[in-house]
Amino acid sequence: MIVLEDILRDRGSRYAAAVGPVQSRAEIDAFLAALRSRRKFAKATHHSWAAFLSGDGPLKGDDGEAGAGAVILKMLEREGLADHIVVVTRWYGGVHLGGDRFAHVVTCTRAALAAVRP
């Protein structure tokens, strides 16, 4: 698991990303549980994620950040990165970001993908 903390901040919200190999729904669940077990990440508001599994196809979860999982999944598919999960974590800062939150999800996903590229 590669964790990139404090990728960006905007109006009180903070963002981080995590990426790692997974090959099943059980491994996705274990990855998310391991991330949430970290004290700092346990307090986060949202853990949006996506994975494209060779055997099962696309899977995603918004965790209350509507549409974020689809954004991450689209980027994974475009990159051709199978059997990996990308999680974008947000600590809500009290101000709604509107459409800017999607730009932040993209920024965090790019950082995660860059961390696993050869």
C-alpha atoms as a PDB file:
ATOM      1  CA  MET A   1       0.000   0.000   0.000  1.00  0.00           C
ATOM      2  CA  ILE A   2       1.324   3.393  -1.024  1.00  0.00           C
ATOM      3  CA  VAL A   3      -0.213   6.286   0.900  1.00  0.00           C
ATOM      4  CA  LEU A   4       0.205   9.875  -0.253  1.00  0.00           C
ATOM      5  CA  GLU A   5      -0.865  12.240   2.511  1.00  0.00           C
ATOM      6  CA  ASP A   6      -1.820  15.906   2.248  1.00  0.00           C
ATOM      7  CA  ILE A   7      -1.867  16.045  -1.538  1.00  0.00           C
ATOM      8  CA  LEU A   8      -3.932  19.212  -1.445  1.00  0.00           C
ATOM      9  CA  ARG A   9      -6.057  21.468   0.726  1.00  0.00           C
ATOM     10  CA  ASP A  10      -8.997  23.630  -0.279  1.00  0.00           C
ATOM     11  CA  ARG A  11     -11.293  25.689   1.940  1.00  0.00           C
ATOM     12  CA  GLY A  12     -10.555  23.574   4.961  1.00  0.00           C
ATOM     13  CA  SER A  13     -10.872  20.180   3.238  1.00  0.00           C
ATOM     14  CA  ARG A  14      -7.795  17.974   3.029  1.00  0.00           C
ATOM     15  CA  TYR A  15      -7.140  15.207   0.519  1.00  0.00           C
ATOM     16  CA  ALA A  16      -4.937  12.131   0.417  1.00  0.00           C
ATOM     17  CA  ALA A  17      -4.684   9.083  -1.836  1.00  0.00           C
ATOM     18  CA  ALA A  18      -3.723   5.450  -1.460  1.00  0.00           C
ATOM     19  CA  VAL A  19      -3.003   2.834  -4.104  1.00  0.00           C
ATOM     20  CA  GLY A  20      -2.106  -0.821  -4.082  1.00  0.00           C
ATOM     21  CA  PRO A  21      -2.581  -4.185  -5.778  1.00  0.00           C
ATOM     22  CA  VAL A  22      -5.820  -6.130  -5.278  1.00  0.00           C
ATOM     23  CA  GLN A  23      -7.232  -9.177  -7.055  1.00  0.00           C
ATOM     24  CA  SER A  24     -10.637  -9.738  -5.441  1.00  0.00           C
ATOM     25  CA  ARG A  25     -13.463  -8.025  -3.611  1.00  0.00           C
ATOM     26  CA  ALA A  26     -12.125  -9.522  -0.375  1.00  0.00           C
ATOM     27  CA  GLU A  27      -8.736  -7.886  -0.993  1.00  0.00           C
ATOM     28  CA  ILE A  28     -10.483  -4.568  -1.711  1.00  0.00           C
ATOM     29  CA  ASP A  29     -12.323  -4.826   1.603  1.00  0.00           C
ATOM     30  CA  ALA A  30      -9.070  -5.695   3.406  1.00  0.00           C
ATOM     31  CA  PHE A  31      -7.270  -2.739   1.753  1.00  0.00           C
ATOM     32  CA  LEU A  32     -10.023  -0.329   2.817  1.00  0.00           C
ATOM     33  CA  ALA A  33     -10.045  -1.769   6.347  1.00  0.00           C
ATOM     34  CA  ALA A  34      -6.258  -1.412   6.620  1.00  0.00           C
ATOM     35  CA  LEU A  35      -6.451   2.198   5.449  1.00  0.00           C
ATOM     36  CA  ARG A  36      -9.276   3.016   7.864  1.00  0.00           C
ATOM     37  CA  SER A  37      -7.349   1.380  10.709  1.00  0.00           C
ATOM     38  CA  ARG A  38      -4.758   4.150  10.519  1.00  0.00           C
ATOM     39  CA  ARG A  39      -5.642   6.691  13.194  1.00  0.00           C
ATOM     40  CA  LYS A  40      -5.600   9.695  10.853  1.00  0.00           C
ATOM     41  CA  PHE A  41      -7.631   7.951   8.135  1.00  0.00           C
ATOM     42  CA  ALA A  42     -10.176   6.623  10.616  1.00  0.00           C
ATOM     43  CA  LYS A  43     -11.290  10.225  11.174  1.00  0.00           C
ATOM     44  CA  ALA A  44     -11.754  10.998   7.452  1.00  0.00           C
ATOM     45  CA  THR A  45     -15.169  11.918   6.069  1.00  0.00           C
ATOM     46  CA  HIS A  46     -14.970  10.047   2.733  1.00  0.00           C
ATOM     47  CA  HIS A  47     -12.935   7.182   1.270  1.00  0.00           C
ATOM     48  CA  SER A  48     -13.939   7.119  -2.413  1.00  0.00           C
ATOM     49  CA  TRP A  49     -12.383   4.261  -4.349  1.00  0.00           C
ATOM     50  CA  ALA A  50     -12.311   2.263  -7.562  1.00  0.00           C
ATOM     51  CA  ALA A  51     -10.635  -0.869  -8.875  1.00  0.00           C
ATOM     52  CA  PHE A  52     -10.683  -2.732 -12.168  1.00  0.00           C
ATOM     53  CA  LEU A  53     -10.219  -6.426 -11.487  1.00  0.00           C
ATOM     54  CA  SER A  54      -9.142  -8.706 -14.320  1.00  0.00           C
ATOM     55  CA  GLY A  55     -11.643 -11.365 -13.280  1.00  0.00           C
ATOM     56  CA  ASP A  56     -14.537  -9.271 -11.972  1.00  0.00           C
ATOM     57  CA  GLY A  57     -14.365  -6.044 -13.961  1.00  0.00           C
ATOM     58  CA  PRO A  58     -14.973  -2.579 -12.537  1.00  0.00           C
ATOM     59  CA  LEU A  59     -15.894  -1.947  -8.905  1.00  0.00           C
ATOM     60  CA  LYS A  60     -16.264   1.405  -7.168  1.00  0.00           C
ATOM     61  CA  GLY A  61     -17.517   3.090  -4.039  1.00  0.00           C
ATOM     62  CA  ASP A  62     -18.324   6.741  -3.410  1.00  0.00           C
ATOM     63  CA  ASP A  63     -18.572   6.622   0.404  1.00  0.00           C
ATOM     64  CA  GLY A  64     -20.860   9.661   0.416  1.00  0.00           C
ATOM     65  CA  GLU A  65     -18.886  11.630  -2.200  1.00  0.00           C
ATOM     66  CA  ALA A  66     -21.348  11.116  -5.076  1.00  0.00           C
ATOM     67  CA  GLY A  67     -19.672  10.434  -8.412  1.00  0.00           C
ATOM     68  CA  ALA A  68     -16.105  10.280  -7.087  1.00  0.00           C
ATOM     69  CA  GLY A  69     -15.752   6.509  -7.554  1.00  0.00           C
ATOM     70  CA  ALA A  70     -16.772   6.831 -11.212  1.00  0.00           C
ATOM     71  CA  VAL A  71     -14.113   9.516 -11.781  1.00  0.00           C
ATOM     72  CA  ILE A  72     -11.414   7.294 -10.265  1.00  0.00           C
ATOM     73  CA  LEU A  73     -12.608   4.259 -12.257  1.00  0.00           C
ATOM     74  CA  LYS A  74     -12.544   6.168 -15.538  1.00  0.00           C
ATOM     75  CA  MET A  75      -8.946   7.207 -14.890  1.00  0.00           C
ATOM     76  CA  LEU A  76      -7.928   3.628 -13.981  1.00  0.00           C
ATOM     77  CA  GLU A  77      -9.503   2.296 -17.163  1.00  0.00           C
ATOM     78  CA  ARG A  78      -7.868   4.998 -19.293  1.00  0.00           C
ATOM     79  CA  GLU A  79      -4.500   4.164 -17.728  1.00  0.00           C
ATOM     80  CA  GLY A  80      -5.069   0.427 -18.272  1.00  0.00           C
ATOM     81  CA  LEU A  81      -4.184  -0.327 -14.656  1.00  0.00           C
ATOM     82  CA  ALA A  82      -5.917  -3.564 -13.717  1.00  0.00           C
ATOM     83  CA  ASP A  83      -5.844  -5.308 -10.354  1.00  0.00           C
ATOM     84  CA  HIS A  84      -5.127  -2.133  -8.383  1.00  0.00           C
ATOM     85  CA  ILE A  85      -7.260   0.013  -6.121  1.00  0.00           C
ATOM     86  CA  VAL A  86      -7.063   3.780  -5.822  1.00  0.00           C
ATOM     87  CA  VAL A  87      -8.634   5.421  -2.770  1.00  0.00           C
ATOM     88  CA  VAL A  88      -9.104   9.176  -2.506  1.00  0.00           C
ATOM     89  CA  THR A  89      -9.669  10.257   1.084  1.00  0.00           C
ATOM     90  CA  ARG A  90     -11.234  13.569   2.077  1.00  0.00           C
ATOM     91  CA  TRP A  91     -11.461  15.240   5.434  1.00  0.00           C
ATOM     92  CA  TYR A  92     -14.376  17.652   5.052  1.00  0.00           C
ATOM     93  CA  GLY A  93     -13.470  21.168   6.112  1.00  0.00           C
ATOM     94  CA  GLY A  94     -16.956  22.607   6.576  1.00  0.00           C
ATOM     95  CA  VAL A  95     -17.326  24.311   3.183  1.00  0.00           C
ATOM     96  CA  HIS A  96     -19.038  22.675   0.196  1.00  0.00           C
ATOM     97  CA  LEU A  97     -16.647  22.619  -2.757  1.00  0.00           C
ATOM     98  CA  GLY A  98     -19.190  22.001  -5.504  1.00  0.00           C
ATOM     99  CA  GLY A  99     -17.633  20.821  -8.753  1.00  0.00           C
ATOM    100  CA  ASP A 100     -14.124  21.601  -7.506  1.00  0.00           C
ATOM    101  CA  ARG A 101     -14.202  18.359  -5.553  1.00  0.00           C
ATOM    102  CA  PHE A 102     -14.057  16.413  -8.832  1.00  0.00           C
ATOM    103  CA  ALA A 103     -10.933  18.317  -9.866  1.00  0.00           C
ATOM    104  CA  HIS A 104      -9.420  17.375  -6.504  1.00  0.00           C
ATOM    105  CA  VAL A 105     -10.331  13.702  -6.997  1.00  0.00           C
ATOM    106  CA  VAL A 106      -8.594  13.838 -10.391  1.00  0.00           C
ATOM    107  CA  THR A 107      -5.482  15.459  -8.878  1.00  0.00           C
ATOM    108  CA  CYS A 108      -5.284  12.828  -6.136  1.00  0.00           C
ATOM    109  CA  THR A 109      -5.868   9.951  -8.561  1.00  0.00           C
ATOM    110  CA  ARG A 110      -3.120  11.255 -10.865  1.00  0.00           C
ATOM    111  CA  ALA A 111      -0.727  11.360  -7.910  1.00  0.00           C
ATOM    112  CA  ALA A 112      -1.630   7.772  -6.960  1.00  0.00           C
ATOM    113  CA  LEU A 113      -1.212   6.526 -10.527  1.00  0.00           C
ATOM    114  CA  ALA A 114       2.148   8.270 -10.809  1.00  0.00           C
ATOM    115  CA  ALA A 115       3.279   6.467  -7.637  1.00  0.00           C
ATOM    116  CA  VAL A 116       2.757   3.021  -9.229  1.00  0.00           C
ATOM    117  CA  ARG A 117       3.913   3.709 -12.792  1.00  0.00           C
ATOM    118  CA  PRO A 118       7.181   2.020 -13.699  1.00  0.00           C
END
